[in-house]
Protein backbone atom coordinates (compact mmCIF):
# COMPACT_ATOMS: atom_id res chain seq x y z
CA UNK A 1 0.00 0.00 0.00
CA UNK A 2 2.83 2.40 0.82
CA UNK A 3 4.55 1.67 -2.48
CA UNK A 4 1.29 2.28 -4.34
CA UNK A 5 0.75 5.59 -2.57
CA UNK A 6 4.25 6.75 -3.43
CA UNK A 7 3.71 5.68 -7.05
CA UNK A 8 0.55 7.78 -7.40
CA UNK A 9 2.17 10.80 -5.75
CA UNK A 10 5.11 10.60 -8.14
CA UNK A 11 2.76 10.04 -11.07
CA UNK A 12 0.64 13.07 -10.22
CA UNK A 13 3.76 15.17 -9.83
CA UNK A 14 5.03 14.10 -13.23
CA UNK A 15 1.68 14.94 -14.78
CA UNK A 16 1.63 18.40 -13.17
CA UNK A 17 5.19 19.28 -14.18
CA UNK A 18 5.42 17.59 -17.58
CA UNK A 19 1.99 17.26 -19.16
CA UNK A 20 -0.42 19.78 -17.65
CA UNK A 21 1.52 22.83 -19.00
CA UNK A 22 1.33 21.34 -22.49
CA UNK A 23 -2.43 20.87 -22.19
CA UNK A 24 -2.85 24.50 -21.07
CA UNK A 25 -0.68 25.74 -23.94
CA UNK A 26 -2.66 23.84 -26.54
CA UNK A 27 -6.00 25.00 -25.12
CA UNK A 28 -4.72 28.56 -25.50
CA UNK A 29 -3.73 27.81 -29.11
CA UNK A 30 -7.20 26.51 -29.89
CA UNK A 31 -8.76 29.64 -28.35
CA UNK A 32 -6.46 31.82 -30.45
CA UNK A 33 -7.49 29.98 -33.61
CA UNK A 34 -11.15 30.54 -32.74
CA UNK A 35 -10.55 34.27 -32.38
CA UNK A 36 -8.71 34.41 -35.68
CA UNK A 37 -11.56 32.61 -37.41
CA UNK A 38 -13.95 35.21 -35.97
CA UNK A 39 -11.72 38.01 -37.27
CA UNK A 40 -11.60 36.34 -40.67
CA UNK A 41 -15.40 36.10 -40.80
CA UNK A 42 -15.73 39.80 -39.99
CA UNK A 43 -13.17 40.72 -42.64
CA UNK A 44 -14.96 38.58 -45.23
CA UNK A 45 -18.28 40.28 -44.42
CA UNK A 46 -16.65 43.69 -44.76
CA UNK A 47 -15.17 42.69 -48.11
CA UNK A 48 -18.56 41.54 -49.42
CA UNK A 49 -20.15 44.82 -48.34
CA UNK A 50 -17.41 46.82 -50.03
CA UNK A 51 -17.75 44.86 -53.25
CA UNK A 52 -21.50 45.54 -53.26
CA UNK A 53 -21.01 49.27 -52.77
CA UNK A 54 -17.96 49.49 -55.02
CA UNK A 55 -19.37 51.28 -58.05
CA UNK A 56 -17.30 54.44 -58.27
CA UNK A 57 -13.55 53.61 -57.82
CA UNK A 58 -12.76 56.63 -55.67
CA UNK A 59 -9.77 56.72 -53.38
CA UNK A 60 -11.65 56.12 -50.10
CA UNK A 61 -13.38 52.96 -51.25
CA UNK A 62 -10.21 51.67 -52.91
CA UNK A 63 -8.21 52.15 -49.70
CA UNK A 64 -10.87 50.38 -47.61
CA UNK A 65 -11.03 47.50 -50.08
CA UNK A 66 -7.25 47.11 -50.13
CA UNK A 67 -7.16 47.11 -46.32
CA UNK A 68 -9.76 44.35 -46.11
CA UNK A 69 -7.95 42.28 -48.73
CA UNK A 70 -4.73 42.69 -46.75
CA UNK A 71 -6.41 41.42 -43.58
CA UNK A 72 -7.76 38.39 -45.43
CA UNK A 73 -4.33 37.56 -46.83
CA UNK A 74 -2.71 37.91 -43.40
CA UNK A 75 -5.25 35.65 -41.69
CA UNK A 76 -4.95 33.07 -44.46
CA UNK A 77 -1.17 33.07 -44.02
CA UNK A 78 -1.54 32.49 -40.28
CA UNK A 79 -3.81 29.49 -40.90
CA UNK A 80 -1.19 27.99 -43.21
CA UNK A 81 1.52 28.58 -40.58
CA UNK A 82 -0.45 26.56 -38.03
CA UNK A 83 -0.98 23.88 -40.66
CA UNK A 84 2.77 23.58 -41.36
CA UNK A 85 3.84 23.66 -37.68
CA UNK A 86 1.90 20.49 -36.82
CA UNK A 87 2.39 16.89 -37.90
CA UNK A 88 0.57 16.16 -41.19
CA UNK A 89 -2.34 13.76 -40.57
CA UNK A 90 -0.80 11.04 -42.73
CA UNK A 91 2.38 10.98 -40.63
CA UNK A 92 0.80 10.79 -37.17
CA UNK A 93 0.76 6.96 -36.83
CA UNK A 94 4.31 6.76 -38.19
CA UNK A 95 5.53 9.33 -35.66
CA UNK A 96 3.92 7.54 -32.72
CA UNK A 97 5.29 4.16 -33.79
CA UNK A 98 8.78 5.57 -34.41
CA UNK A 99 8.88 6.99 -30.91
CA UNK A 100 7.56 3.73 -29.52
CA UNK A 101 10.41 1.76 -31.10
CA UNK A 102 12.92 3.91 -29.22
CA UNK A 103 11.32 2.98 -25.90
CA UNK A 104 11.76 -0.78 -25.81
CA UNK A 105 10.20 -1.06 -22.38
CA UNK A 106 6.81 -0.06 -23.80
CA UNK A 107 4.25 -2.19 -25.59
CA UNK A 108 1.63 -0.95 -28.07
CA UNK A 109 -1.82 -2.07 -26.92
CA UNK A 110 -4.02 -0.32 -29.49
CA UNK A 111 -3.97 2.45 -32.08
CA UNK A 112 -6.99 3.90 -33.85
CA UNK A 113 -7.89 7.04 -35.76
CA UNK A 114 -10.86 9.27 -34.97
CA UNK A 115 -13.21 10.87 -37.46
CA UNK A 116 -11.94 14.26 -38.67
CA UNK A 117 -13.97 17.28 -37.62
CA UNK A 118 -13.80 21.01 -38.40
CA UNK A 119 -12.08 22.91 -35.62
CA UNK A 120 -14.59 25.73 -35.94
CA UNK A 121 -18.25 25.22 -36.75
CA UNK A 122 -19.36 26.77 -40.06
CA UNK A 123 -21.30 29.99 -39.88
CA UNK A 124 -24.98 30.01 -40.86
CA UNK A 125 -24.06 31.71 -44.13
CA UNK A 126 -21.44 29.07 -44.97
CA UNK A 127 -23.81 26.23 -44.07
CA UNK A 128 -26.44 27.69 -46.40
CA UNK A 129 -23.95 27.94 -49.25
CA UNK A 130 -22.90 24.32 -48.75
CA UNK A 131 -26.54 23.16 -48.93
CA UNK A 132 -27.12 25.08 -52.16
CA UNK A 133 -23.95 23.64 -53.73
CA UNK A 134 -24.99 20.09 -52.82
CA UNK A 135 -28.44 20.61 -54.39
CA UNK A 136 -26.87 22.01 -57.57
CA UNK A 137 -24.43 19.10 -57.76
CA UNK A 138 -27.22 16.56 -57.32
CA UNK A 139 -29.13 18.06 -60.26
CA UNK A 140 -26.23 17.62 -62.69
CA UNK A 141 -26.36 14.47 -64.88
CA UNK A 142 -22.59 13.82 -64.74
CA UNK A 143 -20.95 15.74 -61.89
CA UNK A 144 -17.23 16.32 -62.38
CA UNK A 145 -16.61 16.94 -58.66
CA UNK A 146 -17.86 14.39 -56.16
CA UNK A 147 -18.97 15.43 -52.68
CA UNK A 148 -16.11 13.47 -51.13
CA UNK A 149 -13.30 14.45 -53.51
CA UNK A 150 -10.20 16.25 -52.16
CA UNK A 151 -11.07 19.37 -54.17
CA UNK A 152 -14.56 19.45 -52.70
CA UNK A 153 -13.14 18.95 -49.20
CA UNK A 154 -10.74 21.86 -49.72
CA UNK A 155 -13.57 24.06 -50.94
CA UNK A 156 -15.75 23.26 -47.94
CA UNK A 157 -12.80 23.73 -45.59
CA UNK A 158 -11.76 27.16 -46.85
CA UNK A 159 -10.74 29.43 -43.97
CA UNK A 160 -11.05 26.55 -41.52
CA UNK A 161 -8.88 23.87 -39.99
CA UNK A 162 -9.77 20.23 -39.45
CA UNK A 163 -9.00 18.22 -36.31
CA UNK A 164 -7.53 14.79 -37.09
CA UNK A 165 -7.52 12.74 -33.91
CA UNK A 166 -5.82 9.50 -32.98
CA UNK A 167 -6.04 7.38 -29.83
CA UNK A 168 -3.05 5.31 -28.76
CA UNK A 169 -2.73 3.00 -25.76
CA UNK A 170 0.70 1.86 -24.58
CA UNK A 171 1.77 -0.20 -21.58
CA UNK A 172 4.93 -0.24 -19.49
CA UNK A 173 6.51 1.13 -16.35
CA UNK A 174 5.78 4.67 -15.23
CA UNK A 175 9.33 5.97 -15.94
CA UNK A 176 9.18 4.54 -19.48
CA UNK A 177 5.76 6.09 -20.07
CA UNK A 178 6.92 9.46 -18.78
CA UNK A 179 10.00 9.35 -21.04
CA UNK A 180 7.76 8.56 -24.02
CA UNK A 181 5.54 11.54 -23.21
CA UNK A 182 8.54 13.83 -22.86
CA UNK A 183 9.93 12.86 -26.27
CA UNK A 184 6.52 13.16 -27.87
CA UNK A 185 6.05 16.65 -26.45
CA UNK A 186 9.55 17.68 -27.52
CA UNK A 187 9.30 16.54 -31.15
CA UNK A 188 9.96 19.12 -33.88
CA UNK A 189 6.47 18.86 -35.35
CA UNK A 190 3.80 19.03 -32.71
CA UNK A 191 0.69 17.09 -31.81
CA UNK A 192 -2.05 18.66 -29.71
CA UNK A 193 -3.13 16.90 -26.52
CA UNK A 194 -6.81 16.23 -25.98
CA UNK A 195 -7.10 13.51 -23.29
CA UNK A 196 -4.78 11.38 -21.18
CA UNK A 197 -5.62 8.45 -18.90
CA UNK A 198 -3.19 6.43 -16.78
CA UNK A 199 -4.22 3.18 -15.10
CA UNK A 200 -2.20 0.67 -13.09
CA UNK A 201 -2.66 -2.87 -14.40
CA UNK A 202 -0.30 -4.73 -12.08
CA UNK A 203 2.53 -2.80 -10.48
CA UNK A 204 4.89 -1.79 -11.98
CA UNK A 205 3.00 -2.18 -15.28
CA UNK A 206 0.67 0.66 -16.23
CA UNK A 207 -1.40 1.52 -19.29
CA UNK A 208 -1.43 5.01 -20.78
CA UNK A 209 -4.20 6.06 -23.14
CA UNK A 210 -3.55 9.22 -25.14
CA UNK A 211 -5.97 11.02 -27.38
CA UNK A 212 -4.01 13.39 -29.61
CA UNK A 213 -4.86 15.41 -32.66
CA UNK A 214 -3.29 17.51 -35.36
CA UNK A 215 -4.74 20.31 -37.46
CA UNK A 216 -4.82 20.49 -41.22
CA UNK A 217 -6.44 22.55 -43.96
CA UNK A 218 -7.43 19.22 -45.53
CA UNK A 219 -10.27 17.06 -44.23
CA UNK A 220 -8.73 13.86 -45.64
CA UNK A 221 -7.80 11.24 -43.02
CA UNK A 222 -6.41 7.77 -43.29
CA UNK A 223 -7.23 4.32 -41.92
CA UNK A 224 -4.78 2.60 -39.56
C-alpha atoms as a PDB file:
ATOM      1  CA  UNK A   1       0.000   0.000   0.000  1.00  0.00           C
ATOM      2  CA  UNK A   2       2.832   2.397   0.822  1.00  0.00           C
ATOM      3  CA  UNK A   3       4.552   1.667  -2.475  1.00  0.00           C
ATOM      4  CA  UNK A   4       1.293   2.277  -4.336  1.00  0.00           C
ATOM      5  CA  UNK A   5       0.755   5.590  -2.573  1.00  0.00           C
ATOM      6  CA  UNK A   6       4.254   6.749  -3.432  1.00  0.00           C
ATOM      7  CA  UNK A   7       3.715   5.685  -7.049  1.00  0.00           C
ATOM      8  CA  UNK A   8       0.554   7.782  -7.400  1.00  0.00           C
ATOM      9  CA  UNK A   9       2.171  10.804  -5.754  1.00  0.00           C
ATOM     10  CA  UNK A  10       5.106  10.601  -8.142  1.00  0.00           C
ATOM     11  CA  UNK A  11       2.762  10.043 -11.068  1.00  0.00           C
ATOM     12  CA  UNK A  12       0.641  13.072 -10.216  1.00  0.00           C
ATOM     13  CA  UNK A  13       3.757  15.167  -9.830  1.00  0.00           C
ATOM     14  CA  UNK A  14       5.034  14.095 -13.231  1.00  0.00           C
ATOM     15  CA  UNK A  15       1.679  14.942 -14.778  1.00  0.00           C
ATOM     16  CA  UNK A  16       1.628  18.401 -13.169  1.00  0.00           C
ATOM     17  CA  UNK A  17       5.193  19.280 -14.177  1.00  0.00           C
ATOM     18  CA  UNK A  18       5.416  17.588 -17.578  1.00  0.00           C
ATOM     19  CA  UNK A  19       1.987  17.261 -19.161  1.00  0.00           C
ATOM     20  CA  UNK A  20      -0.416  19.785 -17.649  1.00  0.00           C
ATOM     21  CA  UNK A  21       1.520  22.826 -19.000  1.00  0.00           C
ATOM     22  CA  UNK A  22       1.334  21.343 -22.491  1.00  0.00           C
ATOM     23  CA  UNK A  23      -2.429  20.873 -22.190  1.00  0.00           C
ATOM     24  CA  UNK A  24      -2.847  24.496 -21.065  1.00  0.00           C
ATOM     25  CA  UNK A  25      -0.680  25.738 -23.937  1.00  0.00           C
ATOM     26  CA  UNK A  26      -2.665  23.844 -26.540  1.00  0.00           C
ATOM     27  CA  UNK A  27      -5.998  24.997 -25.124  1.00  0.00           C
ATOM     28  CA  UNK A  28      -4.722  28.565 -25.499  1.00  0.00           C
ATOM     29  CA  UNK A  29      -3.729  27.812 -29.106  1.00  0.00           C
ATOM     30  CA  UNK A  30      -7.203  26.510 -29.886  1.00  0.00           C
ATOM     31  CA  UNK A  31      -8.759  29.641 -28.347  1.00  0.00           C
ATOM     32  CA  UNK A  32      -6.463  31.822 -30.452  1.00  0.00           C
ATOM     33  CA  UNK A  33      -7.487  29.981 -33.613  1.00  0.00           C
ATOM     34  CA  UNK A  34     -11.149  30.540 -32.738  1.00  0.00           C
ATOM     35  CA  UNK A  35     -10.553  34.275 -32.376  1.00  0.00           C
ATOM     36  CA  UNK A  36      -8.706  34.407 -35.684  1.00  0.00           C
ATOM     37  CA  UNK A  37     -11.563  32.606 -37.412  1.00  0.00           C
ATOM     38  CA  UNK A  38     -13.949  35.212 -35.971  1.00  0.00           C
ATOM     39  CA  UNK A  39     -11.717  38.010 -37.274  1.00  0.00           C
ATOM     40  CA  UNK A  40     -11.604  36.337 -40.674  1.00  0.00           C
ATOM     41  CA  UNK A  41     -15.401  36.095 -40.803  1.00  0.00           C
ATOM     42  CA  UNK A  42     -15.727  39.796 -39.988  1.00  0.00           C
ATOM     43  CA  UNK A  43     -13.172  40.724 -42.643  1.00  0.00           C
ATOM     44  CA  UNK A  44     -14.962  38.581 -45.230  1.00  0.00           C
ATOM     45  CA  UNK A  45     -18.276  40.279 -44.420  1.00  0.00           C
ATOM     46  CA  UNK A  46     -16.653  43.687 -44.764  1.00  0.00           C
ATOM     47  CA  UNK A  47     -15.174  42.689 -48.108  1.00  0.00           C
ATOM     48  CA  UNK A  48     -18.559  41.543 -49.415  1.00  0.00           C
ATOM     49  CA  UNK A  49     -20.148  44.817 -48.336  1.00  0.00           C
ATOM     50  CA  UNK A  50     -17.415  46.822 -50.030  1.00  0.00           C
ATOM     51  CA  UNK A  51     -17.755  44.855 -53.254  1.00  0.00           C
ATOM     52  CA  UNK A  52     -21.498  45.543 -53.256  1.00  0.00           C
ATOM     53  CA  UNK A  53     -21.012  49.270 -52.770  1.00  0.00           C
ATOM     54  CA  UNK A  54     -17.961  49.490 -55.022  1.00  0.00           C
ATOM     55  CA  UNK A  55     -19.371  51.281 -58.053  1.00  0.00           C
ATOM     56  CA  UNK A  56     -17.302  54.439 -58.274  1.00  0.00           C
ATOM     57  CA  UNK A  57     -13.555  53.606 -57.817  1.00  0.00           C
ATOM     58  CA  UNK A  58     -12.763  56.633 -55.673  1.00  0.00           C
ATOM     59  CA  UNK A  59      -9.767  56.716 -53.379  1.00  0.00           C
ATOM     60  CA  UNK A  60     -11.648  56.120 -50.102  1.00  0.00           C
ATOM     61  CA  UNK A  61     -13.378  52.961 -51.251  1.00  0.00           C
ATOM     62  CA  UNK A  62     -10.214  51.675 -52.910  1.00  0.00           C
ATOM     63  CA  UNK A  63      -8.213  52.147 -49.698  1.00  0.00           C
ATOM     64  CA  UNK A  64     -10.870  50.380 -47.612  1.00  0.00           C
ATOM     65  CA  UNK A  65     -11.031  47.498 -50.083  1.00  0.00           C
ATOM     66  CA  UNK A  66      -7.249  47.115 -50.129  1.00  0.00           C
ATOM     67  CA  UNK A  67      -7.155  47.113 -46.319  1.00  0.00           C
ATOM     68  CA  UNK A  68      -9.756  44.350 -46.110  1.00  0.00           C
ATOM     69  CA  UNK A  69      -7.951  42.279 -48.733  1.00  0.00           C
ATOM     70  CA  UNK A  70      -4.733  42.687 -46.755  1.00  0.00           C
ATOM     71  CA  UNK A  71      -6.407  41.417 -43.580  1.00  0.00           C
ATOM     72  CA  UNK A  72      -7.764  38.392 -45.427  1.00  0.00           C
ATOM     73  CA  UNK A  73      -4.331  37.562 -46.829  1.00  0.00           C
ATOM     74  CA  UNK A  74      -2.707  37.906 -43.398  1.00  0.00           C
ATOM     75  CA  UNK A  75      -5.245  35.649 -41.692  1.00  0.00           C
ATOM     76  CA  UNK A  76      -4.954  33.066 -44.461  1.00  0.00           C
ATOM     77  CA  UNK A  77      -1.170  33.068 -44.021  1.00  0.00           C
ATOM     78  CA  UNK A  78      -1.542  32.492 -40.276  1.00  0.00           C
ATOM     79  CA  UNK A  79      -3.814  29.495 -40.901  1.00  0.00           C
ATOM     80  CA  UNK A  80      -1.187  27.992 -43.211  1.00  0.00           C
ATOM     81  CA  UNK A  81       1.517  28.583 -40.585  1.00  0.00           C
ATOM     82  CA  UNK A  82      -0.455  26.557 -38.028  1.00  0.00           C
ATOM     83  CA  UNK A  83      -0.983  23.884 -40.658  1.00  0.00           C
ATOM     84  CA  UNK A  84       2.767  23.580 -41.361  1.00  0.00           C
ATOM     85  CA  UNK A  85       3.841  23.656 -37.684  1.00  0.00           C
ATOM     86  CA  UNK A  86       1.903  20.493 -36.815  1.00  0.00           C
ATOM     87  CA  UNK A  87       2.393  16.892 -37.897  1.00  0.00           C
ATOM     88  CA  UNK A  88       0.572  16.164 -41.191  1.00  0.00           C
ATOM     89  CA  UNK A  89      -2.341  13.760 -40.575  1.00  0.00           C
ATOM     90  CA  UNK A  90      -0.803  11.039 -42.731  1.00  0.00           C
ATOM     91  CA  UNK A  91       2.383  10.977 -40.628  1.00  0.00           C
ATOM     92  CA  UNK A  92       0.805  10.791 -37.168  1.00  0.00           C
ATOM     93  CA  UNK A  93       0.758   6.958 -36.832  1.00  0.00           C
ATOM     94  CA  UNK A  94       4.305   6.759 -38.191  1.00  0.00           C
ATOM     95  CA  UNK A  95       5.535   9.329 -35.664  1.00  0.00           C
ATOM     96  CA  UNK A  96       3.920   7.536 -32.722  1.00  0.00           C
ATOM     97  CA  UNK A  97       5.294   4.158 -33.790  1.00  0.00           C
ATOM     98  CA  UNK A  98       8.784   5.566 -34.408  1.00  0.00           C
ATOM     99  CA  UNK A  99       8.884   6.992 -30.905  1.00  0.00           C
ATOM    100  CA  UNK A 100       7.557   3.730 -29.515  1.00  0.00           C
ATOM    101  CA  UNK A 101      10.413   1.758 -31.104  1.00  0.00           C
ATOM    102  CA  UNK A 102      12.917   3.913 -29.218  1.00  0.00           C
ATOM    103  CA  UNK A 103      11.319   2.979 -25.903  1.00  0.00           C
ATOM    104  CA  UNK A 104      11.759  -0.782 -25.805  1.00  0.00           C
ATOM    105  CA  UNK A 105      10.196  -1.059 -22.382  1.00  0.00           C
ATOM    106  CA  UNK A 106       6.812  -0.055 -23.798  1.00  0.00           C
ATOM    107  CA  UNK A 107       4.249  -2.187 -25.593  1.00  0.00           C
ATOM    108  CA  UNK A 108       1.634  -0.951 -28.067  1.00  0.00           C
ATOM    109  CA  UNK A 109      -1.815  -2.071 -26.920  1.00  0.00           C
ATOM    110  CA  UNK A 110      -4.017  -0.319 -29.488  1.00  0.00           C
ATOM    111  CA  UNK A 111      -3.969   2.451 -32.076  1.00  0.00           C
ATOM    112  CA  UNK A 112      -6.994   3.900 -33.847  1.00  0.00           C
ATOM    113  CA  UNK A 113      -7.889   7.043 -35.760  1.00  0.00           C
ATOM    114  CA  UNK A 114     -10.857   9.272 -34.971  1.00  0.00           C
ATOM    115  CA  UNK A 115     -13.207  10.871 -37.458  1.00  0.00           C
ATOM    116  CA  UNK A 116     -11.940  14.265 -38.672  1.00  0.00           C
ATOM    117  CA  UNK A 117     -13.972  17.283 -37.619  1.00  0.00           C
ATOM    118  CA  UNK A 118     -13.797  21.007 -38.397  1.00  0.00           C
ATOM    119  CA  UNK A 119     -12.077  22.914 -35.620  1.00  0.00           C
ATOM    120  CA  UNK A 120     -14.592  25.725 -35.942  1.00  0.00           C
ATOM    121  CA  UNK A 121     -18.246  25.224 -36.746  1.00  0.00           C
ATOM    122  CA  UNK A 122     -19.361  26.774 -40.059  1.00  0.00           C
ATOM    123  CA  UNK A 123     -21.302  29.993 -39.884  1.00  0.00           C
ATOM    124  CA  UNK A 124     -24.979  30.006 -40.860  1.00  0.00           C
ATOM    125  CA  UNK A 125     -24.064  31.714 -44.127  1.00  0.00           C
ATOM    126  CA  UNK A 126     -21.442  29.072 -44.971  1.00  0.00           C
ATOM    127  CA  UNK A 127     -23.810  26.227 -44.069  1.00  0.00           C
ATOM    128  CA  UNK A 128     -26.437  27.690 -46.399  1.00  0.00           C
ATOM    129  CA  UNK A 129     -23.947  27.941 -49.249  1.00  0.00           C
ATOM    130  CA  UNK A 130     -22.904  24.316 -48.750  1.00  0.00           C
ATOM    131  CA  UNK A 131     -26.539  23.164 -48.925  1.00  0.00           C
ATOM    132  CA  UNK A 132     -27.116  25.083 -52.161  1.00  0.00           C
ATOM    133  CA  UNK A 133     -23.951  23.640 -53.726  1.00  0.00           C
ATOM    134  CA  UNK A 134     -24.989  20.093 -52.823  1.00  0.00           C
ATOM    135  CA  UNK A 135     -28.437  20.611 -54.388  1.00  0.00           C
ATOM    136  CA  UNK A 136     -26.875  22.009 -57.567  1.00  0.00           C
ATOM    137  CA  UNK A 137     -24.434  19.103 -57.759  1.00  0.00           C
ATOM    138  CA  UNK A 138     -27.223  16.556 -57.318  1.00  0.00           C
ATOM    139  CA  UNK A 139     -29.128  18.063 -60.264  1.00  0.00           C
ATOM    140  CA  UNK A 140     -26.229  17.618 -62.691  1.00  0.00           C
ATOM    141  CA  UNK A 141     -26.359  14.471 -64.876  1.00  0.00           C
ATOM    142  CA  UNK A 142     -22.595  13.817 -64.741  1.00  0.00           C
ATOM    143  CA  UNK A 143     -20.954  15.740 -61.886  1.00  0.00           C
ATOM    144  CA  UNK A 144     -17.228  16.323 -62.376  1.00  0.00           C
ATOM    145  CA  UNK A 145     -16.614  16.944 -58.665  1.00  0.00           C
ATOM    146  CA  UNK A 146     -17.863  14.387 -56.163  1.00  0.00           C
ATOM    147  CA  UNK A 147     -18.974  15.433 -52.677  1.00  0.00           C
ATOM    148  CA  UNK A 148     -16.114  13.467 -51.125  1.00  0.00           C
ATOM    149  CA  UNK A 149     -13.300  14.451 -53.507  1.00  0.00           C
ATOM    150  CA  UNK A 150     -10.199  16.253 -52.163  1.00  0.00           C
ATOM    151  CA  UNK A 151     -11.075  19.369 -54.165  1.00  0.00           C
ATOM    152  CA  UNK A 152     -14.565  19.446 -52.696  1.00  0.00           C
ATOM    153  CA  UNK A 153     -13.139  18.952 -49.199  1.00  0.00           C
ATOM    154  CA  UNK A 154     -10.739  21.858 -49.715  1.00  0.00           C
ATOM    155  CA  UNK A 155     -13.567  24.064 -50.945  1.00  0.00           C
ATOM    156  CA  UNK A 156     -15.755  23.257 -47.938  1.00  0.00           C
ATOM    157  CA  UNK A 157     -12.796  23.727 -45.588  1.00  0.00           C
ATOM    158  CA  UNK A 158     -11.758  27.162 -46.852  1.00  0.00           C
ATOM    159  CA  UNK A 159     -10.738  29.428 -43.967  1.00  0.00           C
ATOM    160  CA  UNK A 160     -11.053  26.551 -41.516  1.00  0.00           C
ATOM    161  CA  UNK A 161      -8.878  23.867 -39.988  1.00  0.00           C
ATOM    162  CA  UNK A 162      -9.772  20.231 -39.445  1.00  0.00           C
ATOM    163  CA  UNK A 163      -9.005  18.216 -36.309  1.00  0.00           C
ATOM    164  CA  UNK A 164      -7.530  14.790 -37.085  1.00  0.00           C
ATOM    165  CA  UNK A 165      -7.519  12.745 -33.906  1.00  0.00           C
ATOM    166  CA  UNK A 166      -5.824   9.501 -32.975  1.00  0.00           C
ATOM    167  CA  UNK A 167      -6.041   7.382 -29.830  1.00  0.00           C
ATOM    168  CA  UNK A 168      -3.047   5.312 -28.763  1.00  0.00           C
ATOM    169  CA  UNK A 169      -2.727   2.999 -25.762  1.00  0.00           C
ATOM    170  CA  UNK A 170       0.705   1.857 -24.579  1.00  0.00           C
ATOM    171  CA  UNK A 171       1.772  -0.199 -21.578  1.00  0.00           C
ATOM    172  CA  UNK A 172       4.934  -0.237 -19.495  1.00  0.00           C
ATOM    173  CA  UNK A 173       6.506   1.131 -16.347  1.00  0.00           C
ATOM    174  CA  UNK A 174       5.775   4.666 -15.230  1.00  0.00           C
ATOM    175  CA  UNK A 175       9.328   5.973 -15.938  1.00  0.00           C
ATOM    176  CA  UNK A 176       9.178   4.542 -19.479  1.00  0.00           C
ATOM    177  CA  UNK A 177       5.763   6.090 -20.069  1.00  0.00           C
ATOM    178  CA  UNK A 178       6.920   9.459 -18.783  1.00  0.00           C
ATOM    179  CA  UNK A 179       9.998   9.349 -21.043  1.00  0.00           C
ATOM    180  CA  UNK A 180       7.757   8.565 -24.022  1.00  0.00           C
ATOM    181  CA  UNK A 181       5.536  11.539 -23.208  1.00  0.00           C
ATOM    182  CA  UNK A 182       8.543  13.830 -22.857  1.00  0.00           C
ATOM    183  CA  UNK A 183       9.930  12.858 -26.266  1.00  0.00           C
ATOM    184  CA  UNK A 184       6.517  13.162 -27.873  1.00  0.00           C
ATOM    185  CA  UNK A 185       6.054  16.647 -26.450  1.00  0.00           C
ATOM    186  CA  UNK A 186       9.554  17.684 -27.523  1.00  0.00           C
ATOM    187  CA  UNK A 187       9.299  16.540 -31.153  1.00  0.00           C
ATOM    188  CA  UNK A 188       9.960  19.123 -33.876  1.00  0.00           C
ATOM    189  CA  UNK A 189       6.471  18.858 -35.353  1.00  0.00           C
ATOM    190  CA  UNK A 190       3.795  19.030 -32.710  1.00  0.00           C
ATOM    191  CA  UNK A 191       0.693  17.093 -31.815  1.00  0.00           C
ATOM    192  CA  UNK A 192      -2.047  18.665 -29.713  1.00  0.00           C
ATOM    193  CA  UNK A 193      -3.132  16.905 -26.520  1.00  0.00           C
ATOM    194  CA  UNK A 194      -6.815  16.225 -25.984  1.00  0.00           C
ATOM    195  CA  UNK A 195      -7.101  13.512 -23.289  1.00  0.00           C
ATOM    196  CA  UNK A 196      -4.782  11.382 -21.181  1.00  0.00           C
ATOM    197  CA  UNK A 197      -5.623   8.449 -18.900  1.00  0.00           C
ATOM    198  CA  UNK A 198      -3.194   6.429 -16.784  1.00  0.00           C
ATOM    199  CA  UNK A 199      -4.223   3.179 -15.098  1.00  0.00           C
ATOM    200  CA  UNK A 200      -2.197   0.672 -13.094  1.00  0.00           C
ATOM    201  CA  UNK A 201      -2.660  -2.874 -14.397  1.00  0.00           C
ATOM    202  CA  UNK A 202      -0.299  -4.727 -12.075  1.00  0.00           C
ATOM    203  CA  UNK A 203       2.531  -2.798 -10.480  1.00  0.00           C
ATOM    204  CA  UNK A 204       4.885  -1.786 -11.982  1.00  0.00           C
ATOM    205  CA  UNK A 205       3.000  -2.184 -15.280  1.00  0.00           C
ATOM    206  CA  UNK A 206       0.668   0.662 -16.233  1.00  0.00           C
ATOM    207  CA  UNK A 207      -1.400   1.519 -19.287  1.00  0.00           C
ATOM    208  CA  UNK A 208      -1.426   5.008 -20.776  1.00  0.00           C
ATOM    209  CA  UNK A 209      -4.204   6.064 -23.135  1.00  0.00           C
ATOM    210  CA  UNK A 210      -3.548   9.218 -25.143  1.00  0.00           C
ATOM    211  CA  UNK A 211      -5.974  11.021 -27.381  1.00  0.00           C
ATOM    212  CA  UNK A 212      -4.012  13.390 -29.609  1.00  0.00           C
ATOM    213  CA  UNK A 213      -4.862  15.405 -32.662  1.00  0.00           C
ATOM    214  CA  UNK A 214      -3.286  17.513 -35.359  1.00  0.00           C
ATOM    215  CA  UNK A 215      -4.738  20.312 -37.455  1.00  0.00           C
ATOM    216  CA  UNK A 216      -4.822  20.492 -41.225  1.00  0.00           C
ATOM    217  CA  UNK A 217      -6.443  22.548 -43.957  1.00  0.00           C
ATOM    218  CA  UNK A 218      -7.432  19.222 -45.527  1.00  0.00           C
ATOM    219  CA  UNK A 219     -10.267  17.058 -44.229  1.00  0.00           C
ATOM    220  CA  UNK A 220      -8.731  13.858 -45.639  1.00  0.00           C
ATOM    221  CA  UNK A 221      -7.802  11.245 -43.018  1.00  0.00           C
ATOM    222  CA  UNK A 222      -6.413   7.774 -43.290  1.00  0.00           C
ATOM    223  CA  UNK A 223      -7.231   4.318 -41.917  1.00  0.00           C
ATOM    224  CA  UNK A 224      -4.776   2.601 -39.556  1.00  0.00           C
END
